[in-house]
Amino acid sequence: MRSIVCIKRVPDSEARVRVAAGGMAIDASGVKFAMNPYDEFALEEALRLKEQSGEGSVTAVTVGPDEARETLRSALAMGADEGVLLRSVGSFDGLAVARALADEIATRDYDLVLFGKQAIDDDNMQVPAMVAQLMGLPCATVVVDLKVEGRGATATREIEGGHEIVEFDLPGVVSAQKGLNEPRYPSLKGIMAAKRKPLEEKDVTLADPKIELLGLTPPPARAEPEIVGEGVEAVPELVRRLREEAKVL
């Protein structure tokens, strides 16, 4: 099983993110970056498929700045066989990123291309389907269960109110949802081995963006809570406010 896993460097989910001066980017000072959490599910699934088949390879690919090497090294420490950095300043335009990934993937031998269902920084949830469309491949998104037999795959997708089961022929594209598996932690042996694994770097020029970033603004501050009273005596006033002010009753 030859898998290509597309990953992204994003601010850690626990990081306190601030908007930089000018309002066009986040202030990266003091912010820890990590692999996009949903991409960890995709990488873990690729590693499990390789282990189950007893042969194959897992290649981690990312589009990003020089600092994204650290993210690729994390993927190698988890068990990926090689990493590819498509060096670029990055883009908010999912289509530009998808084109760069599709062009790179087309040069390689693969059975399955895996993504996280979305990146937690921009939440566009576009790139997996765009890559599939550009390459003419079947695509299953928001996958919580995946079975591969021979040249076919069966995926269970999480949809509103239930699950949807789809079948497709390989090669194909899958985007992983939380629940697909439990990602492993890199072992000390894996961390040491990652230093010796190949990491290829290529400069890429992203296509002209179709969208324009106008600015970033932090969410509005939450209003201070108000205590309307204590005990059963507070119930009438609380009900009145829920009905007349919040209008939820």
C-alpha atoms as a PDB file:
ATOM      1  CA  MET A   1       0.000   0.000   0.000  1.00  0.00           C
ATOM      2  CA  ARG A   2       1.571   3.249  -1.169  1.00  0.00           C
ATOM      3  CA  SER A   3       0.037   6.237   0.565  1.00  0.00           C
ATOM      4  CA  ILE A   4       0.632   9.952   0.258  1.00  0.00           C
ATOM      5  CA  VAL A   5      -0.466  11.998   3.261  1.00  0.00           C
ATOM      6  CA  CYS A   6      -0.878  15.743   2.836  1.00  0.00           C
ATOM      7  CA  ILE A   7      -0.274  17.581   6.103  1.00  0.00           C
ATOM      8  CA  LYS A   8      -0.234  21.211   7.218  1.00  0.00           C
ATOM      9  CA  ARG A   9       1.647  23.242   9.800  1.00  0.00           C
ATOM     10  CA  VAL A  10      -0.839  25.136  11.968  1.00  0.00           C
ATOM     11  CA  PRO A  11      -0.826  26.943  15.326  1.00  0.00           C
ATOM     12  CA  ASP A  12      -1.177  24.482  18.187  1.00  0.00           C
ATOM     13  CA  SER A  13      -4.805  24.097  19.205  1.00  0.00           C
ATOM     14  CA  GLU A  14      -3.907  25.240  22.739  1.00  0.00           C
ATOM     15  CA  ALA A  15      -2.035  28.347  21.564  1.00  0.00           C
ATOM     16  CA  ARG A  16      -3.360  31.820  22.374  1.00  0.00           C
ATOM     17  CA  VAL A  17      -3.515  33.428  18.945  1.00  0.00           C
ATOM     18  CA  ARG A  18      -3.353  37.203  18.497  1.00  0.00           C
ATOM     19  CA  VAL A  19      -3.787  39.295  15.360  1.00  0.00           C
ATOM     20  CA  ALA A  20      -0.562  41.020  14.304  1.00  0.00           C
ATOM     21  CA  ALA A  21      -0.275  44.748  13.694  1.00  0.00           C
ATOM     22  CA  GLY A  22      -1.882  45.595  10.378  1.00  0.00           C
ATOM     23  CA  GLY A  23      -4.561  42.965  10.782  1.00  0.00           C
ATOM     24  CA  MET A  24      -3.371  40.769   7.890  1.00  0.00           C
ATOM     25  CA  ALA A  25      -1.756  37.872   9.792  1.00  0.00           C
ATOM     26  CA  ILE A  26      -1.472  36.336  13.229  1.00  0.00           C
ATOM     27  CA  ASP A  27       1.307  37.328  15.595  1.00  0.00           C
ATOM     28  CA  ALA A  28       3.546  34.254  15.482  1.00  0.00           C
ATOM     29  CA  SER A  29       5.809  35.351  18.331  1.00  0.00           C
ATOM     30  CA  GLY A  30       5.601  32.832  21.133  1.00  0.00           C
ATOM     31  CA  VAL A  31       3.096  30.667  19.245  1.00  0.00           C
ATOM     32  CA  LYS A  32       3.797  26.948  19.106  1.00  0.00           C
ATOM     33  CA  PHE A  33       3.087  25.301  15.741  1.00  0.00           C
ATOM     34  CA  ALA A  34       2.230  21.660  15.175  1.00  0.00           C
ATOM     35  CA  MET A  35       0.767  19.227  12.675  1.00  0.00           C
ATOM     36  CA  ASN A  36      -2.887  19.867  11.952  1.00  0.00           C
ATOM     37  CA  PRO A  37      -4.745  17.486  14.329  1.00  0.00           C
ATOM     38  CA  TYR A  38      -7.004  16.035  11.627  1.00  0.00           C
ATOM     39  CA  ASP A  39      -3.916  15.265   9.529  1.00  0.00           C
ATOM     40  CA  GLU A  40      -2.669  13.078  12.375  1.00  0.00           C
ATOM     41  CA  PHE A  41      -5.671  10.797  11.827  1.00  0.00           C
ATOM     42  CA  ALA A  42      -4.844  10.625   8.114  1.00  0.00           C
ATOM     43  CA  LEU A  43      -1.196   9.783   8.805  1.00  0.00           C
ATOM     44  CA  GLU A  44      -2.084   7.140  11.369  1.00  0.00           C
ATOM     45  CA  GLU A  45      -4.463   5.488   8.913  1.00  0.00           C
ATOM     46  CA  ALA A  46      -1.770   5.388   6.228  1.00  0.00           C
ATOM     47  CA  LEU A  47       0.673   3.793   8.673  1.00  0.00           C
ATOM     48  CA  ARG A  48      -1.892   1.172   9.699  1.00  0.00           C
ATOM     49  CA  LEU A  49      -2.696   0.307   6.094  1.00  0.00           C
ATOM     50  CA  LYS A  50       0.999  -0.179   5.363  1.00  0.00           C
ATOM     51  CA  GLU A  51       1.402  -2.372   8.448  1.00  0.00           C
ATOM     52  CA  GLN A  52      -1.651  -4.460   7.543  1.00  0.00           C
ATOM     53  CA  SER A  53      -0.462  -5.071   3.985  1.00  0.00           C
ATOM     54  CA  GLY A  54       3.091  -5.803   5.131  1.00  0.00           C
ATOM     55  CA  GLU A  55       4.586  -3.645   2.413  1.00  0.00           C
ATOM     56  CA  GLY A  56       4.390  -0.248   0.798  1.00  0.00           C
ATOM     57  CA  SER A  57       5.351   3.283   1.756  1.00  0.00           C
ATOM     58  CA  VAL A  58       4.013   6.420   3.391  1.00  0.00           C
ATOM     59  CA  THR A  59       5.055   9.809   2.021  1.00  0.00           C
ATOM     60  CA  ALA A  60       4.203  13.009   3.908  1.00  0.00           C
ATOM     61  CA  VAL A  61       3.824  16.144   1.768  1.00  0.00           C
ATOM     62  CA  THR A  62       3.279  19.727   2.862  1.00  0.00           C
ATOM     63  CA  VAL A  63       3.092  23.168   1.281  1.00  0.00           C
ATOM     64  CA  GLY A  64       4.607  25.838   3.462  1.00  0.00           C
ATOM     65  CA  PRO A  65       7.636  27.830   4.625  1.00  0.00           C
ATOM     66  CA  ASP A  66      11.004  26.511   5.768  1.00  0.00           C
ATOM     67  CA  GLU A  67       9.614  26.090   9.285  1.00  0.00           C
ATOM     68  CA  ALA A  68       7.320  23.339   7.981  1.00  0.00           C
ATOM     69  CA  ARG A  69      10.329  20.992   8.024  1.00  0.00           C
ATOM     70  CA  GLU A  70       9.641  20.526  11.728  1.00  0.00           C
ATOM     71  CA  THR A  71       6.125  19.324  10.934  1.00  0.00           C
ATOM     72  CA  LEU A  72       7.447  16.866   8.377  1.00  0.00           C
ATOM     73  CA  ARG A  73       9.996  15.582  10.898  1.00  0.00           C
ATOM     74  CA  SER A  74       7.104  14.901  13.269  1.00  0.00           C
ATOM     75  CA  ALA A  75       5.433  12.849  10.531  1.00  0.00           C
ATOM     76  CA  LEU A  76       8.659  10.934   9.939  1.00  0.00           C
ATOM     77  CA  ALA A  77       8.984  10.283  13.673  1.00  0.00           C
ATOM     78  CA  MET A  78       5.479   8.800  13.705  1.00  0.00           C
ATOM     79  CA  GLY A  79       6.530   6.379  10.980  1.00  0.00           C
ATOM     80  CA  ALA A  80       6.308   8.008   7.556  1.00  0.00           C
ATOM     81  CA  ASP A  81       9.069   6.847   5.212  1.00  0.00           C
ATOM     82  CA  GLU A  82       9.862  10.143   3.522  1.00  0.00           C
ATOM     83  CA  GLY A  83       8.828  13.783   3.521  1.00  0.00           C
ATOM     84  CA  VAL A  84       8.410  16.371   0.782  1.00  0.00           C
ATOM     85  CA  LEU A  85       8.387  20.118   1.482  1.00  0.00           C
ATOM     86  CA  LEU A  86       6.886  22.214  -1.289  1.00  0.00           C
ATOM     87  CA  ARG A  87       8.455  25.445  -0.145  1.00  0.00           C
ATOM     88  CA  SER A  88       6.157  28.428  -0.520  1.00  0.00           C
ATOM     89  CA  VAL A  89       4.970  31.415   1.457  1.00  0.00           C
ATOM     90  CA  GLY A  90       1.599  29.698   1.658  1.00  0.00           C
ATOM     91  CA  SER A  91      -1.823  30.936   0.623  1.00  0.00           C
ATOM     92  CA  PHE A  92      -5.341  31.361   1.948  1.00  0.00           C
ATOM     93  CA  ASP A  93      -6.561  30.170  -1.455  1.00  0.00           C
ATOM     94  CA  GLY A  94      -7.347  26.450  -1.239  1.00  0.00           C
ATOM     95  CA  LEU A  95      -7.317  26.021  -5.007  1.00  0.00           C
ATOM     96  CA  ALA A  96      -3.765  27.344  -5.332  1.00  0.00           C
ATOM     97  CA  VAL A  97      -2.584  24.908  -2.656  1.00  0.00           C
ATOM     98  CA  ALA A  98      -4.557  22.052  -4.226  1.00  0.00           C
ATOM     99  CA  ARG A  99      -2.926  22.656  -7.610  1.00  0.00           C
ATOM    100  CA  ALA A 100       0.564  22.536  -6.069  1.00  0.00           C
ATOM    101  CA  LEU A 101      -0.249  19.292  -4.248  1.00  0.00           C
ATOM    102  CA  ALA A 102      -1.886  17.697  -7.295  1.00  0.00           C
ATOM    103  CA  ASP A 103       1.119  18.534  -9.488  1.00  0.00           C
ATOM    104  CA  GLU A 104       3.473  16.873  -6.984  1.00  0.00           C
ATOM    105  CA  ILE A 105       1.285  13.823  -6.384  1.00  0.00           C
ATOM    106  CA  ALA A 106       0.966  13.236 -10.144  1.00  0.00           C
ATOM    107  CA  THR A 107       4.735  12.628 -10.338  1.00  0.00           C
ATOM    108  CA  ARG A 108       4.589   9.781  -7.791  1.00  0.00           C
ATOM    109  CA  ASP A 109       3.326   6.215  -7.549  1.00  0.00           C
ATOM    110  CA  TYR A 110       0.468   5.901  -5.068  1.00  0.00           C
ATOM    111  CA  ASP A 111      -2.635   3.944  -4.186  1.00  0.00           C
ATOM    112  CA  LEU A 112      -4.241   6.348  -1.737  1.00  0.00           C
ATOM    113  CA  VAL A 113      -3.994  10.061  -0.961  1.00  0.00           C
ATOM    114  CA  LEU A 114      -5.047  11.027   2.554  1.00  0.00           C
ATOM    115  CA  PHE A 115      -5.834  14.376   4.182  1.00  0.00           C
ATOM    116  CA  GLY A 116      -7.321  15.578   7.401  1.00  0.00           C
ATOM    117  CA  LYS A 117     -10.906  16.675   6.815  1.00  0.00           C
ATOM    118  CA  GLN A 118      -9.891  20.326   7.324  1.00  0.00           C
ATOM    119  CA  ALA A 119      -7.132  22.526   8.704  1.00  0.00           C
ATOM    120  CA  ILE A 120      -7.914  24.160  12.037  1.00  0.00           C
ATOM    121  CA  ASP A 121      -6.413  27.525  11.047  1.00  0.00           C
ATOM    122  CA  ASP A 122      -8.560  28.485   8.038  1.00  0.00           C
ATOM    123  CA  ASP A 123     -11.301  25.805   8.306  1.00  0.00           C
ATOM    124  CA  ASN A 124     -11.897  25.916   4.552  1.00  0.00           C
ATOM    125  CA  MET A 125     -12.423  22.147   4.203  1.00  0.00           C
ATOM    126  CA  GLN A 126     -11.746  22.449   0.464  1.00  0.00           C
ATOM    127  CA  VAL A 127      -8.350  21.069  -0.491  1.00  0.00           C
ATOM    128  CA  PRO A 128      -9.018  17.276  -0.386  1.00  0.00           C
ATOM    129  CA  ALA A 129     -11.974  17.486  -2.769  1.00  0.00           C
ATOM    130  CA  MET A 130     -10.140  19.977  -4.996  1.00  0.00           C
ATOM    131  CA  VAL A 131      -7.121  17.676  -5.338  1.00  0.00           C
ATOM    132  CA  ALA A 132      -9.417  14.768  -6.186  1.00  0.00           C
ATOM    133  CA  GLN A 133     -11.199  16.818  -8.835  1.00  0.00           C
ATOM    134  CA  LEU A 134      -7.964  18.103 -10.377  1.00  0.00           C
ATOM    135  CA  MET A 135      -6.608  14.545 -10.609  1.00  0.00           C
ATOM    136  CA  GLY A 136      -9.841  12.873 -11.669  1.00  0.00           C
ATOM    137  CA  LEU A 137      -9.908  10.612  -8.587  1.00  0.00           C
ATOM    138  CA  PRO A 138     -12.813   9.373  -6.451  1.00  0.00           C
ATOM    139  CA  CYS A 139     -13.059  11.158  -3.119  1.00  0.00           C
ATOM    140  CA  ALA A 140     -14.533  10.222   0.272  1.00  0.00           C
ATOM    141  CA  THR A 141     -14.565  13.011   2.859  1.00  0.00           C
ATOM    142  CA  VAL A 142     -15.169  13.113   6.627  1.00  0.00           C
ATOM    143  CA  VAL A 143     -14.265   9.409   6.897  1.00  0.00           C
ATOM    144  CA  VAL A 144     -14.585   7.646  10.270  1.00  0.00           C
ATOM    145  CA  ASP A 145     -13.902   4.097   9.049  1.00  0.00           C
ATOM    146  CA  LEU A 146     -11.886   2.823   6.093  1.00  0.00           C
ATOM    147  CA  LYS A 147     -11.375  -0.688   4.743  1.00  0.00           C
ATOM    148  CA  VAL A 148      -9.133  -1.502   1.799  1.00  0.00           C
ATOM    149  CA  GLU A 149      -9.296  -4.833  -0.008  1.00  0.00           C
ATOM    150  CA  GLY A 150      -7.325  -5.369  -3.182  1.00  0.00           C
ATOM    151  CA  ARG A 151      -7.924  -2.438  -5.500  1.00  0.00           C
ATOM    152  CA  GLY A 152     -11.108  -1.316  -3.798  1.00  0.00           C
ATOM    153  CA  ALA A 153     -12.001   0.602  -0.654  1.00  0.00           C
ATOM    154  CA  THR A 154     -15.076   1.058   1.518  1.00  0.00           C
ATOM    155  CA  ALA A 155     -15.389   4.245   3.550  1.00  0.00           C
ATOM    156  CA  THR A 156     -17.878   5.233   6.220  1.00  0.00           C
ATOM    157  CA  ARG A 157     -18.583   8.966   6.119  1.00  0.00           C
ATOM    158  CA  GLU A 158     -19.951  10.988   8.986  1.00  0.00           C
ATOM    159  CA  ILE A 159     -23.001  12.944   7.847  1.00  0.00           C
ATOM    160  CA  GLU A 160     -25.627  14.910   9.733  1.00  0.00           C
ATOM    161  CA  GLY A 161     -27.809  12.486  11.640  1.00  0.00           C
ATOM    162  CA  GLY A 162     -25.947   9.309  10.715  1.00  0.00           C
ATOM    163  CA  HIS A 163     -23.355   7.658   8.505  1.00  0.00           C
ATOM    164  CA  GLU A 164     -22.993   7.071   4.784  1.00  0.00           C
ATOM    165  CA  ILE A 165     -21.075   4.100   3.342  1.00  0.00           C
ATOM    166  CA  VAL A 166     -19.383   4.542  -0.025  1.00  0.00           C
ATOM    167  CA  GLU A 167     -17.260   2.253  -2.168  1.00  0.00           C
ATOM    168  CA  PHE A 168     -14.617   3.319  -4.672  1.00  0.00           C
ATOM    169  CA  ASP A 169     -11.727   1.950  -6.691  1.00  0.00           C
ATOM    170  CA  LEU A 170      -8.122   2.832  -5.980  1.00  0.00           C
ATOM    171  CA  PRO A 171      -6.381   5.148  -6.441  1.00  0.00           C
ATOM    172  CA  GLY A 172      -8.555   7.561  -4.503  1.00  0.00           C
ATOM    173  CA  VAL A 173      -8.613  10.438  -2.043  1.00  0.00           C
ATOM    174  CA  VAL A 174      -9.774  10.231   1.575  1.00  0.00           C
ATOM    175  CA  SER A 175     -10.117  12.964   4.194  1.00  0.00           C
ATOM    176  CA  ALA A 176     -10.057  11.786   7.806  1.00  0.00           C
ATOM    177  CA  GLN A 177     -12.425  12.748  10.605  1.00  0.00           C
ATOM    178  CA  LYS A 178     -11.826  12.383  14.328  1.00  0.00           C
ATOM    179  CA  GLY A 179     -12.764   8.833  15.324  1.00  0.00           C
ATOM    180  CA  LEU A 180     -11.114   7.134  12.361  1.00  0.00           C
ATOM    181  CA  ASN A 181      -8.339   5.942  14.700  1.00  0.00           C
ATOM    182  CA  GLU A 182      -6.185   6.976  17.626  1.00  0.00           C
ATOM    183  CA  PRO A 183      -2.919   8.525  16.370  1.00  0.00           C
ATOM    184  CA  ARG A 184       0.247   7.078  17.882  1.00  0.00           C
ATOM    185  CA  TYR A 185       2.871   9.084  19.719  1.00  0.00           C
ATOM    186  CA  PRO A 186       6.347   9.162  18.183  1.00  0.00           C
ATOM    187  CA  SER A 187       8.646   6.785  20.027  1.00  0.00           C
ATOM    188  CA  LEU A 188      12.227   7.661  20.948  1.00  0.00           C
ATOM    189  CA  LYS A 189      13.362   5.182  18.304  1.00  0.00           C
ATOM    190  CA  GLY A 190      11.098   6.857  15.752  1.00  0.00           C
ATOM    191  CA  ILE A 191      12.385  10.319  16.635  1.00  0.00           C
ATOM    192  CA  MET A 192      15.987   9.196  16.181  1.00  0.00           C
ATOM    193  CA  ALA A 193      15.167   7.371  12.937  1.00  0.00           C
ATOM    194  CA  ALA A 194      13.421  10.473  11.555  1.00  0.00           C
ATOM    195  CA  LYS A 195      16.769  12.270  11.408  1.00  0.00           C
ATOM    196  CA  ARG A 196      18.015   9.764   8.834  1.00  0.00           C
ATOM    197  CA  LYS A 197      14.911   9.578   6.659  1.00  0.00           C
ATOM    198  CA  PRO A 198      14.839  11.469   3.350  1.00  0.00           C
ATOM    199  CA  LEU A 199      13.250  14.908   3.309  1.00  0.00           C
ATOM    200  CA  GLU A 200      13.042  16.426  -0.159  1.00  0.00           C
ATOM    201  CA  GLU A 201      12.600  20.161  -0.617  1.00  0.00           C
ATOM    202  CA  LYS A 202      11.281  21.913  -3.710  1.00  0.00           C
ATOM    203  CA  ASP A 203      10.510  25.550  -4.369  1.00  0.00           C
ATOM    204  CA  VAL A 204       7.027  26.001  -5.813  1.00  0.00           C
ATOM    205  CA  THR A 205       5.156  29.043  -7.043  1.00  0.00           C
ATOM    206  CA  LEU A 206       1.493  28.936  -6.180  1.00  0.00           C
ATOM    207  CA  ALA A 207      -1.075  29.910  -8.779  1.00  0.00           C
ATOM    208  CA  ASP A 208      -2.560  33.389  -8.585  1.00  0.00           C
ATOM    209  CA  PRO A 209      -5.126  33.377  -5.783  1.00  0.00           C
ATOM    210  CA  LYS A 210      -8.811  33.548  -6.593  1.00  0.00           C
ATOM    211  CA  ILE A 211      -9.621  35.019  -3.188  1.00  0.00           C
ATOM    212  CA  GLU A 212      -8.181  38.020  -1.372  1.00  0.00           C
ATOM    213  CA  LEU A 213      -7.574  38.321   2.354  1.00  0.00           C
ATOM    214  CA  LEU A 214      -9.094  41.593   3.513  1.00  0.00           C
ATOM    215  CA  GLY A 215      -8.151  41.304   7.154  1.00  0.00           C
ATOM    216  CA  LEU A 216      -8.245  39.359  10.391  1.00  0.00           C
ATOM    217  CA  THR A 217     -10.164  40.417  13.472  1.00  0.00           C
ATOM    218  CA  PRO A 218     -10.398  38.717  16.864  1.00  0.00           C
ATOM    219  CA  PRO A 219     -13.815  37.533  18.021  1.00  0.00           C
ATOM    220  CA  PRO A 220     -15.762  40.034  20.129  1.00  0.00           C
ATOM    221  CA  ALA A 221     -15.161  39.868  23.844  1.00  0.00           C
ATOM    222  CA  ARG A 222     -17.750  37.930  25.785  1.00  0.00           C
ATOM    223  CA  ALA A 223     -20.122  39.978  27.872  1.00  0.00           C
ATOM    224  CA  GLU A 224     -19.651  39.724  31.596  1.00  0.00           C
ATOM    225  CA  PRO A 225     -22.171  37.308  33.158  1.00  0.00           C
ATOM    226  CA  GLU A 226     -24.930  38.763  35.300  1.00  0.00           C
ATOM    227  CA  ILE A 227     -26.438  37.066  38.330  1.00  0.00           C
ATOM    228  CA  VAL A 228     -30.167  37.765  38.475  1.00  0.00           C
ATOM    229  CA  GLY A 229     -30.655  36.264  41.916  1.00  0.00           C
ATOM    230  CA  GLU A 230     -30.275  33.147  44.013  1.00  0.00           C
ATOM    231  CA  GLY A 231     -32.445  30.117  44.634  1.00  0.00           C
ATOM    232  CA  VAL A 232     -36.062  29.710  43.548  1.00  0.00           C
ATOM    233  CA  GLU A 233     -36.667  33.451  43.933  1.00  0.00           C
ATOM    234  CA  ALA A 234     -34.509  34.053  40.843  1.00  0.00           C
ATOM    235  CA  VAL A 235     -36.608  31.820  38.566  1.00  0.00           C
ATOM    236  CA  PRO A 236     -39.336  34.353  37.584  1.00  0.00           C
ATOM    237  CA  GLU A 237     -36.779  37.006  36.637  1.00  0.00           C
ATOM    238  CA  LEU A 238     -34.652  34.473  34.759  1.00  0.00           C
ATOM    239  CA  VAL A 239     -37.666  33.223  32.787  1.00  0.00           C
ATOM    240  CA  ARG A 240     -38.687  36.798  31.977  1.00  0.00           C
ATOM    241  CA  ARG A 241     -35.262  37.637  30.612  1.00  0.00           C
ATOM    242  CA  LEU A 242     -35.052  34.435  28.594  1.00  0.00           C
ATOM    243  CA  ARG A 243     -38.449  35.255  27.072  1.00  0.00           C
ATOM    244  CA  GLU A 244     -38.222  39.005  26.566  1.00  0.00           C
ATOM    245  CA  GLU A 245     -34.510  39.694  26.114  1.00  0.00           C
ATOM    246  CA  ALA A 246     -32.876  36.498  24.875  1.00  0.00           C
ATOM    247  CA  LYS A 247     -36.120  35.429  23.121  1.00  0.00           C
ATOM    248  CA  VAL A 248     -35.331  31.735  23.492  1.00  0.00           C
ATOM    249  CA  LEU A 249     -38.623  30.810  25.164  1.00  0.00           C
END
